[in-house]
Amino acid sequence: MGATAAWNLRCTVRRLSEVLACELLIASEALEYAAHDSSPYVRSLIQRVRTVSGPLAGDRSTSAELKQLADELRNGGWLARIEAENGRLSR
């Protein structure tokens, strides 16, 4: 049963990264119109998102961009880069 549980966890993590990629893309777009500045950590995260997906202008498919964002989130390299730019996040 351990192999099945590990496989289910892997599938769940993949789906979670896809949901988070959608949320991250929409949040990045919304923050473009915010009246106040975001924290340096959030600005760094948005810069990472914008390297994959530009601002939403008009109607277009974002599925390839969302897949790439999900891959980047699963990879985990963005956190290290954001902390290198802004200092370690508290845990």
PDB file of N, CA and C in Angstrom:
ATOM      1  N   MET A   1       0.811  -1.196   0.000  1.00  0.00           N
ATOM      2  CA  MET A   1       0.000   0.000   0.000  1.00  0.00           C
ATOM      3  C   MET A   1       0.854   1.258   0.000  1.00  0.00           C
ATOM      4  N   GLY A   2       2.107   1.120   0.405  1.00  0.00           N
ATOM      5  CA  GLY A   2       2.981   2.287   0.442  1.00  0.00           C
ATOM      6  C   GLY A   2       3.242   2.860  -0.933  1.00  0.00           C
ATOM      7  N   ALA A   3       3.415   1.990  -1.933  1.00  0.00           N
ATOM      8  CA  ALA A   3       3.662   2.469  -3.299  1.00  0.00           C
ATOM      9  C   ALA A   3       2.453   3.210  -3.836  1.00  0.00           C
ATOM     10  N   THR A   4       1.269   2.697  -3.549  1.00  0.00           N
ATOM     11  CA  THR A   4       0.041   3.367  -3.995  1.00  0.00           C
ATOM     12  C   THR A   4      -0.108   4.715  -3.305  1.00  0.00           C
ATOM     13  N   ALA A   5       0.175   4.773  -2.030  1.00  0.00           N
ATOM     14  CA  ALA A   5       0.091   6.036  -1.297  1.00  0.00           C
ATOM     15  C   ALA A   5       1.086   7.050  -1.844  1.00  0.00           C
ATOM     16  N   ALA A   6       2.294   6.591  -2.155  1.00  0.00           N
ATOM     17  CA  ALA A   6       3.303   7.497  -2.719  1.00  0.00           C
ATOM     18  C   ALA A   6       2.860   8.007  -4.085  1.00  0.00           C
ATOM     19  N   TRP A   7       2.296   7.132  -4.896  1.00  0.00           N
ATOM     20  CA  TRP A   7       1.809   7.551  -6.216  1.00  0.00           C
ATOM     21  C   TRP A   7       0.674   8.563  -6.079  1.00  0.00           C
ATOM     22  N   ASN A   8      -0.251   8.308  -5.155  1.00  0.00           N
ATOM     23  CA  ASN A   8      -1.359   9.243  -4.934  1.00  0.00           C
ATOM     24  C   ASN A   8      -0.847  10.593  -4.458  1.00  0.00           C
ATOM     25  N   LEU A   9       0.165  10.583  -3.603  1.00  0.00           N
ATOM     26  CA  LEU A   9       0.760  11.836  -3.138  1.00  0.00           C
ATOM     27  C   LEU A   9       1.391  12.597  -4.298  1.00  0.00           C
ATOM     28  N   ARG A  10       2.099  11.894  -5.153  1.00  0.00           N
ATOM     29  CA  ARG A  10       2.721  12.524  -6.320  1.00  0.00           C
ATOM     30  C   ARG A  10       1.664  13.179  -7.217  1.00  0.00           C
ATOM     31  N   CYS A  11       0.584  12.464  -7.460  1.00  0.00           N
ATOM     32  CA  CYS A  11      -0.505  13.017  -8.288  1.00  0.00           C
ATOM     33  C   CYS A  11      -1.157  14.220  -7.614  1.00  0.00           C
ATOM     34  N   THR A  12      -1.311  14.146  -6.305  1.00  0.00           N
ATOM     35  CA  THR A  12      -1.914  15.252  -5.562  1.00  0.00           C
ATOM     36  C   THR A  12      -1.031  16.491  -5.607  1.00  0.00           C
ATOM     37  N   VAL A  13       0.261  16.309  -5.452  1.00  0.00           N
ATOM     38  CA  VAL A  13       1.194  17.439  -5.508  1.00  0.00           C
ATOM     39  C   VAL A  13       1.159  18.084  -6.896  1.00  0.00           C
ATOM     40  N   ARG A  14       1.077  17.274  -7.934  1.00  0.00           N
ATOM     41  CA  ARG A  14       0.995  17.798  -9.301  1.00  0.00           C
ATOM     42  C   ARG A  14      -0.267  18.640  -9.458  1.00  0.00           C
ATOM     43  N   ARG A  15      -1.391  18.135  -9.013  1.00  0.00           N
ATOM     44  CA  ARG A  15      -2.654  18.876  -9.132  1.00  0.00           C
ATOM     45  C   ARG A  15      -2.621  20.149  -8.295  1.00  0.00           C
ATOM     46  N   LEU A  16      -2.057  20.071  -7.108  1.00  0.00           N
ATOM     47  CA  LEU A  16      -1.947  21.259  -6.261  1.00  0.00           C
ATOM     48  C   LEU A  16      -1.100  22.327  -6.937  1.00  0.00           C
ATOM     49  N   SER A  17      -0.002  21.937  -7.548  1.00  0.00           N
ATOM     50  CA  SER A  17       0.845  22.928  -8.224  1.00  0.00           C
ATOM     51  C   SER A  17       0.105  23.564  -9.391  1.00  0.00           C
ATOM     52  N   GLU A  18      -0.772  22.824 -10.055  1.00  0.00           N
ATOM     53  CA  GLU A  18      -1.558  23.394 -11.149  1.00  0.00           C
ATOM     54  C   GLU A  18      -2.569  24.407 -10.632  1.00  0.00           C
ATOM     55  N   VAL A  19      -3.215  24.091  -9.511  1.00  0.00           N
ATOM     56  CA  VAL A  19      -4.163  25.037  -8.906  1.00  0.00           C
ATOM     57  C   VAL A  19      -3.422  26.288  -8.438  1.00  0.00           C
ATOM     58  N   LEU A  20      -2.283  26.106  -7.773  1.00  0.00           N
ATOM     59  CA  LEU A  20      -1.510  27.252  -7.292  1.00  0.00           C
ATOM     60  C   LEU A  20      -0.988  28.108  -8.443  1.00  0.00           C
ATOM     61  N   ALA A  21      -0.660  27.485  -9.564  1.00  0.00           N
ATOM     62  CA  ALA A  21      -0.212  28.246 -10.737  1.00  0.00           C
ATOM     63  C   ALA A  21      -1.332  29.157 -11.237  1.00  0.00           C
ATOM     64  N   CYS A  22      -2.553  28.637 -11.276  1.00  0.00           N
ATOM     65  CA  CYS A  22      -3.703  29.460 -11.688  1.00  0.00           C
ATOM     66  C   CYS A  22      -3.889  30.636 -10.737  1.00  0.00           C
ATOM     67  N   GLU A  23      -3.863  30.336  -9.453  1.00  0.00           N
ATOM     68  CA  GLU A  23      -4.042  31.392  -8.450  1.00  0.00           C
ATOM     69  C   GLU A  23      -2.923  32.426  -8.526  1.00  0.00           C
ATOM     70  N   LEU A  24      -1.712  31.975  -8.739  1.00  0.00           N
ATOM     71  CA  LEU A  24      -0.561  32.874  -8.811  1.00  0.00           C
ATOM     72  C   LEU A  24      -0.641  33.788 -10.025  1.00  0.00           C
ATOM     73  N   LEU A  25      -1.054  33.258 -11.157  1.00  0.00           N
ATOM     74  CA  LEU A  25      -1.188  34.084 -12.355  1.00  0.00           C
ATOM     75  C   LEU A  25      -2.251  35.162 -12.164  1.00  0.00           C
ATOM     76  N   ILE A  26      -3.386  34.792 -11.607  1.00  0.00           N
ATOM     77  CA  ILE A  26      -4.468  35.757 -11.388  1.00  0.00           C
ATOM     78  C   ILE A  26      -4.079  36.777 -10.318  1.00  0.00           C
ATOM     79  N   ALA A  27      -3.425  36.333  -9.252  1.00  0.00           N
ATOM     80  CA  ALA A  27      -2.986  37.261  -8.199  1.00  0.00           C
ATOM     81  C   ALA A  27      -1.947  38.241  -8.745  1.00  0.00           C
ATOM     82  N   SER A  28      -1.054  37.761  -9.593  1.00  0.00           N
ATOM     83  CA  SER A  28      -0.050  38.645 -10.192  1.00  0.00           C
ATOM     84  C   SER A  28      -0.710  39.710 -11.044  1.00  0.00           C
ATOM     85  N   GLU A  29      -1.716  39.311 -11.780  1.00  0.00           N
ATOM     86  CA  GLU A  29      -2.447  40.271 -12.610  1.00  0.00           C
ATOM     87  C   GLU A  29      -3.185  41.284 -11.741  1.00  0.00           C
ATOM     88  N   ALA A  30      -3.828  40.817 -10.681  1.00  0.00           N
ATOM     89  CA  ALA A  30      -4.581  41.718  -9.804  1.00  0.00           C
ATOM     90  C   ALA A  30      -3.662  42.725  -9.122  1.00  0.00           C
ATOM     91  N   LEU A  31      -2.463  42.294  -8.729  1.00  0.00           N
ATOM     92  CA  LEU A  31      -1.542  43.204  -8.038  1.00  0.00           C
ATOM     93  C   LEU A  31      -1.001  44.292  -8.958  1.00  0.00           C
ATOM     94  N   GLU A  32      -1.110  44.098 -10.267  1.00  0.00           N
ATOM     95  CA  GLU A  32      -0.715  45.159 -11.204  1.00  0.00           C
ATOM     96  C   GLU A  32      -1.592  46.396 -11.031  1.00  0.00           C
ATOM     97  N   TYR A  33      -2.817  46.189 -10.527  1.00  0.00           N
ATOM     98  CA  TYR A  33      -3.779  47.277 -10.380  1.00  0.00           C
ATOM     99  C   TYR A  33      -3.957  47.723  -8.940  1.00  0.00           C
ATOM    100  N   ALA A  34      -3.172  47.183  -8.024  1.00  0.00           N
ATOM    101  CA  ALA A  34      -3.301  47.522  -6.608  1.00  0.00           C
ATOM    102  C   ALA A  34      -2.821  48.945  -6.352  1.00  0.00           C
ATOM    103  N   ALA A  35      -3.467  49.575  -5.404  1.00  0.00           N
ATOM    104  CA  ALA A  35      -3.130  50.958  -5.072  1.00  0.00           C
ATOM    105  C   ALA A  35      -1.846  51.043  -4.243  1.00  0.00           C
ATOM    106  N   HIS A  36      -1.540  50.011  -3.492  1.00  0.00           N
ATOM    107  CA  HIS A  36      -0.372  50.022  -2.611  1.00  0.00           C
ATOM    108  C   HIS A  36       0.681  49.061  -3.132  1.00  0.00           C
ATOM    109  N   ASP A  37       1.932  49.342  -2.758  1.00  0.00           N
ATOM    110  CA  ASP A  37       3.021  48.463  -3.157  1.00  0.00           C
ATOM    111  C   ASP A  37       2.999  47.176  -2.332  1.00  0.00           C
ATOM    112  N   SER A  38       3.443  46.120  -2.967  1.00  0.00           N
ATOM    113  CA  SER A  38       3.564  44.830  -2.275  1.00  0.00           C
ATOM    114  C   SER A  38       4.926  44.753  -1.595  1.00  0.00           C
ATOM    115  N   SER A  39       5.092  43.727  -0.782  1.00  0.00           N
ATOM    116  CA  SER A  39       6.374  43.522  -0.114  1.00  0.00           C
ATOM    117  C   SER A  39       7.430  43.143  -1.150  1.00  0.00           C
ATOM    118  N   PRO A  40       8.698  43.290  -0.811  1.00  0.00           N
ATOM    119  CA  PRO A  40       9.759  42.900  -1.749  1.00  0.00           C
ATOM    120  C   PRO A  40       9.675  41.430  -2.150  1.00  0.00           C
ATOM    121  N   TYR A  41       9.234  40.570  -1.240  1.00  0.00           N
ATOM    122  CA  TYR A  41       9.108  39.146  -1.549  1.00  0.00           C
ATOM    123  C   TYR A  41       8.034  38.911  -2.608  1.00  0.00           C
ATOM    124  N   VAL A  42       6.905  39.590  -2.447  1.00  0.00           N
ATOM    125  CA  VAL A  42       5.819  39.442  -3.413  1.00  0.00           C
ATOM    126  C   VAL A  42       6.236  40.020  -4.760  1.00  0.00           C
ATOM    127  N   ARG A  43       6.919  41.154  -4.750  1.00  0.00           N
ATOM    128  CA  ARG A  43       7.384  41.736  -6.026  1.00  0.00           C
ATOM    129  C   ARG A  43       8.356  40.792  -6.728  1.00  0.00           C
ATOM    130  N   SER A  44       9.229  40.145  -5.975  1.00  0.00           N
ATOM    131  CA  SER A  44      10.157  39.179  -6.569  1.00  0.00           C
ATOM    132  C   SER A  44       9.409  37.990  -7.158  1.00  0.00           C
ATOM    133  N   LEU A  45       8.386  37.525  -6.451  1.00  0.00           N
ATOM    134  CA  LEU A  45       7.588  36.417  -6.958  1.00  0.00           C
ATOM    135  C   LEU A  45       6.879  36.802  -8.254  1.00  0.00           C
ATOM    136  N   ILE A  46       6.334  38.004  -8.292  1.00  0.00           N
ATOM    137  CA  ILE A  46       5.652  38.462  -9.506  1.00  0.00           C
ATOM    138  C   ILE A  46       6.647  38.583 -10.653  1.00  0.00           C
ATOM    139  N   GLN A  47       7.862  39.027 -10.372  1.00  0.00           N
ATOM    140  CA  GLN A  47       8.881  39.075 -11.427  1.00  0.00           C
ATOM    141  C   GLN A  47       9.148  37.689 -11.982  1.00  0.00           C
ATOM    142  N   ARG A  48       9.191  36.668 -11.110  1.00  0.00           N
ATOM    143  CA  ARG A  48       9.386  35.291 -11.580  1.00  0.00           C
ATOM    144  C   ARG A  48       8.220  34.864 -12.456  1.00  0.00           C
ATOM    145  N   VAL A  49       6.999  35.212 -12.044  1.00  0.00           N
ATOM    146  CA  VAL A  49       5.812  34.855 -12.833  1.00  0.00           C
ATOM    147  C   VAL A  49       5.874  35.524 -14.197  1.00  0.00           C
ATOM    148  N   ARG A  50       6.282  36.778 -14.227  1.00  0.00           N
ATOM    149  CA  ARG A  50       6.312  37.523 -15.484  1.00  0.00           C
ATOM    150  C   ARG A  50       7.394  37.021 -16.435  1.00  0.00           C
ATOM    151  N   THR A  51       8.371  36.278 -15.948  1.00  0.00           N
ATOM    152  CA  THR A  51       9.339  35.669 -16.870  1.00  0.00           C
ATOM    153  C   THR A  51       8.699  34.523 -17.644  1.00  0.00           C
ATOM    154  N   VAL A  52       7.623  33.975 -17.092  1.00  0.00           N
ATOM    155  CA  VAL A  52       6.906  32.878 -17.747  1.00  0.00           C
ATOM    156  C   VAL A  52       5.690  33.384 -18.498  1.00  0.00           C
ATOM    157  N   SER A  53       4.954  34.297 -17.887  1.00  0.00           N
ATOM    158  CA  SER A  53       3.688  34.764 -18.453  1.00  0.00           C
ATOM    159  C   SER A  53       3.605  36.280 -18.355  1.00  0.00           C
ATOM    160  N   GLY A  54       3.452  36.915 -19.486  1.00  0.00           N
ATOM    161  CA  GLY A  54       3.299  38.359 -19.510  1.00  0.00           C
ATOM    162  C   GLY A  54       1.935  38.778 -18.994  1.00  0.00           C
ATOM    163  N   PRO A  55       1.723  40.085 -18.843  1.00  0.00           N
ATOM    164  CA  PRO A  55       0.416  40.566 -18.400  1.00  0.00           C
ATOM    165  C   PRO A  55      -0.694  40.085 -19.333  1.00  0.00           C
ATOM    166  N   LEU A  56      -1.852  39.853 -18.748  1.00  0.00           N
ATOM    167  CA  LEU A  56      -2.986  39.385 -19.534  1.00  0.00           C
ATOM    168  C   LEU A  56      -3.585  40.571 -20.297  1.00  0.00           C
ATOM    169  N   ALA A  57      -3.466  40.508 -21.588  1.00  0.00           N
ATOM    170  CA  ALA A  57      -4.027  41.556 -22.452  1.00  0.00           C
ATOM    171  C   ALA A  57      -4.839  40.858 -23.536  1.00  0.00           C
ATOM    172  N   GLY A  58      -6.114  41.044 -23.503  1.00  0.00           N
ATOM    173  CA  GLY A  58      -6.950  40.387 -24.490  1.00  0.00           C
ATOM    174  C   GLY A  58      -7.211  38.935 -24.120  1.00  0.00           C
ATOM    175  N   ASP A  59      -7.825  38.244 -25.041  1.00  0.00           N
ATOM    176  CA  ASP A  59      -8.193  36.851 -24.824  1.00  0.00           C
ATOM    177  C   ASP A  59      -7.144  35.946 -25.452  1.00  0.00           C
ATOM    178  N   ARG A  60      -6.534  35.081 -24.635  1.00  0.00           N
ATOM    179  CA  ARG A  60      -5.537  34.153 -25.149  1.00  0.00           C
ATOM    180  C   ARG A  60      -5.504  32.910 -24.274  1.00  0.00           C
ATOM    181  N   SER A  61      -4.988  31.855 -24.809  1.00  0.00           N
ATOM    182  CA  SER A  61      -4.828  30.628 -24.036  1.00  0.00           C
ATOM    183  C   SER A  61      -3.606  30.765 -23.143  1.00  0.00           C
ATOM    184  N   THR A  62      -3.771  30.392 -21.907  1.00  0.00           N
ATOM    185  CA  THR A  62      -2.652  30.450 -20.962  1.00  0.00           C
ATOM    186  C   THR A  62      -2.254  29.059 -20.486  1.00  0.00           C
ATOM    187  N   SER A  63      -2.730  28.021 -21.150  1.00  0.00           N
ATOM    188  CA  SER A  63      -2.484  26.671 -20.639  1.00  0.00           C
ATOM    189  C   SER A  63      -0.999  26.318 -20.620  1.00  0.00           C
ATOM    190  N   ALA A  64      -0.255  26.668 -21.666  1.00  0.00           N
ATOM    191  CA  ALA A  64       1.185  26.361 -21.682  1.00  0.00           C
ATOM    192  C   ALA A  64       1.907  27.147 -20.587  1.00  0.00           C
ATOM    193  N   GLU A  65       1.497  28.392 -20.374  1.00  0.00           N
ATOM    194  CA  GLU A  65       2.119  29.210 -19.328  1.00  0.00           C
ATOM    195  C   GLU A  65       1.803  28.642 -17.947  1.00  0.00           C
ATOM    196  N   LEU A  66       0.560  28.192 -17.753  1.00  0.00           N
ATOM    197  CA  LEU A  66       0.182  27.617 -16.466  1.00  0.00           C
ATOM    198  C   LEU A  66       0.931  26.318 -16.203  1.00  0.00           C
ATOM    199  N   LYS A  67       1.126  25.519 -17.226  1.00  0.00           N
ATOM    200  CA  LYS A  67       1.903  24.283 -17.051  1.00  0.00           C
ATOM    201  C   LYS A  67       3.335  24.606 -16.662  1.00  0.00           C
ATOM    202  N   GLN A  68       3.914  25.620 -17.291  1.00  0.00           N
ATOM    203  CA  GLN A  68       5.286  25.999 -16.952  1.00  0.00           C
ATOM    204  C   GLN A  68       5.360  26.571 -15.539  1.00  0.00           C
ATOM    205  N   LEU A  69       4.379  27.388 -15.163  1.00  0.00           N
ATOM    206  CA  LEU A  69       4.340  27.914 -13.792  1.00  0.00           C
ATOM    207  C   LEU A  69       4.235  26.775 -12.781  1.00  0.00           C
ATOM    208  N   ALA A  70       3.381  25.798 -13.065  1.00  0.00           N
ATOM    209  CA  ALA A  70       3.237  24.650 -12.156  1.00  0.00           C
ATOM    210  C   ALA A  70       4.550  23.888 -12.039  1.00  0.00           C
ATOM    211  N   ASP A  71       5.248  23.709 -13.155  1.00  0.00           N
ATOM    212  CA  ASP A  71       6.554  23.035 -13.122  1.00  0.00           C
ATOM    213  C   ASP A  71       7.547  23.816 -12.269  1.00  0.00           C
ATOM    214  N   GLU A  72       7.548  25.142 -12.440  1.00  0.00           N
ATOM    215  CA  GLU A  72       8.464  25.981 -11.649  1.00  0.00           C
ATOM    216  C   GLU A  72       8.145  25.899 -10.160  1.00  0.00           C
ATOM    217  N   LEU A  73       6.859  25.872  -9.824  1.00  0.00           N
ATOM    218  CA  LEU A  73       6.483  25.764  -8.413  1.00  0.00           C
ATOM    219  C   LEU A  73       6.907  24.423  -7.831  1.00  0.00           C
ATOM    220  N   ARG A  74       6.738  23.345  -8.582  1.00  0.00           N
ATOM    221  CA  ARG A  74       7.150  22.026  -8.100  1.00  0.00           C
ATOM    222  C   ARG A  74       8.668  21.927  -7.975  1.00  0.00           C
ATOM    223  N   ASN A  75       9.372  22.608  -8.850  1.00  0.00           N
ATOM    224  CA  ASN A  75      10.836  22.579  -8.829  1.00  0.00           C
ATOM    225  C   ASN A  75      11.376  23.188  -7.540  1.00  0.00           C
ATOM    226  N   GLY A  76      10.781  24.262  -7.079  1.00  0.00           N
ATOM    227  CA  GLY A  76      11.179  24.872  -5.819  1.00  0.00           C
ATOM    228  C   GLY A  76      12.334  25.852  -5.902  1.00  0.00           C
ATOM    229  N   GLY A  77      12.861  26.121  -7.080  1.00  0.00           N
ATOM    230  CA  GLY A  77      13.987  27.029  -7.214  1.00  0.00           C
ATOM    231  C   GLY A  77      13.645  28.488  -6.979  1.00  0.00           C
ATOM    232  N   TRP A  78      12.385  28.825  -7.168  1.00  0.00           N
ATOM    233  CA  TRP A  78      11.994  30.224  -7.009  1.00  0.00           C
ATOM    234  C   TRP A  78      12.162  30.697  -5.577  1.00  0.00           C
ATOM    235  N   LEU A  79      11.851  29.882  -4.611  1.00  0.00           N
ATOM    236  CA  LEU A  79      11.972  30.280  -3.210  1.00  0.00           C
ATOM    237  C   LEU A  79      13.412  30.645  -2.888  1.00  0.00           C
ATOM    238  N   ALA A  80      14.344  29.838  -3.332  1.00  0.00           N
ATOM    239  CA  ALA A  80      15.761  30.124  -3.075  1.00  0.00           C
ATOM    240  C   ALA A  80      16.168  31.441  -3.722  1.00  0.00           C
ATOM    241  N   ARG A  81      15.690  31.689  -4.919  1.00  0.00           N
ATOM    242  CA  ARG A  81      16.058  32.930  -5.606  1.00  0.00           C
ATOM    243  C   ARG A  81      15.429  34.145  -4.929  1.00  0.00           C
ATOM    244  N   ILE A  82      14.176  34.030  -4.518  1.00  0.00           N
ATOM    245  CA  ILE A  82      13.505  35.138  -3.834  1.00  0.00           C
ATOM    246  C   ILE A  82      14.201  35.441  -2.513  1.00  0.00           C
ATOM    247  N   GLU A  83      14.590  34.396  -1.772  1.00  0.00           N
ATOM    248  CA  GLU A  83      15.298  34.622  -0.509  1.00  0.00           C
ATOM    249  C   GLU A  83      16.690  35.180  -0.752  1.00  0.00           C
ATOM    250  N   ALA A  84      17.326  34.805  -1.831  1.00  0.00           N
ATOM    251  CA  ALA A  84      18.650  35.357  -2.144  1.00  0.00           C
ATOM    252  C   ALA A  84      18.546  36.844  -2.448  1.00  0.00           C
ATOM    253  N   GLU A  85      17.473  37.248  -3.068  1.00  0.00           N
ATOM    254  CA  GLU A  85      17.290  38.658  -3.415  1.00  0.00           C
ATOM    255  C   GLU A  85      16.847  39.517  -2.241  1.00  0.00           C
ATOM    256  N   ASN A  86      16.064  38.928  -1.305  1.00  0.00           N
ATOM    257  CA  ASN A  86      15.411  39.730  -0.275  1.00  0.00           C
ATOM    258  C   ASN A  86      15.700  39.319   1.152  1.00  0.00           C
ATOM    259  N   GLY A  87      16.446  38.275   1.356  1.00  0.00           N
ATOM    260  CA  GLY A  87      16.676  37.769   2.710  1.00  0.00           C
ATOM    261  C   GLY A  87      15.756  36.597   3.013  1.00  0.00           C
ATOM    262  N   ARG A  88      16.129  35.849   4.010  1.00  0.00           N
ATOM    263  CA  ARG A  88      15.410  34.620   4.337  1.00  0.00           C
ATOM    264  C   ARG A  88      14.027  34.933   4.901  1.00  0.00           C
ATOM    265  N   LEU A  89      13.031  34.188   4.430  1.00  0.00           N
ATOM    266  CA  LEU A  89      11.682  34.291   4.973  1.00  0.00           C
ATOM    267  C   LEU A  89      11.627  33.615   6.333  1.00  0.00           C
ATOM    268  N   SER A  90      10.834  34.143   7.232  1.00  0.00           N
ATOM    269  CA  SER A  90      10.701  33.495   8.537  1.00  0.00           C
ATOM    270  C   SER A  90       9.882  32.216   8.376  1.00  0.00           C
ATOM    271  N   ARG A  91      10.239  31.231   9.133  1.00  0.00           N
ATOM    272  CA  ARG A  91       9.528  29.940   9.046  1.00  0.00           C
ATOM    273  C   ARG A  91       9.013  29.555  10.400  1.00  0.00           C
TER     274      ARG A  91
END
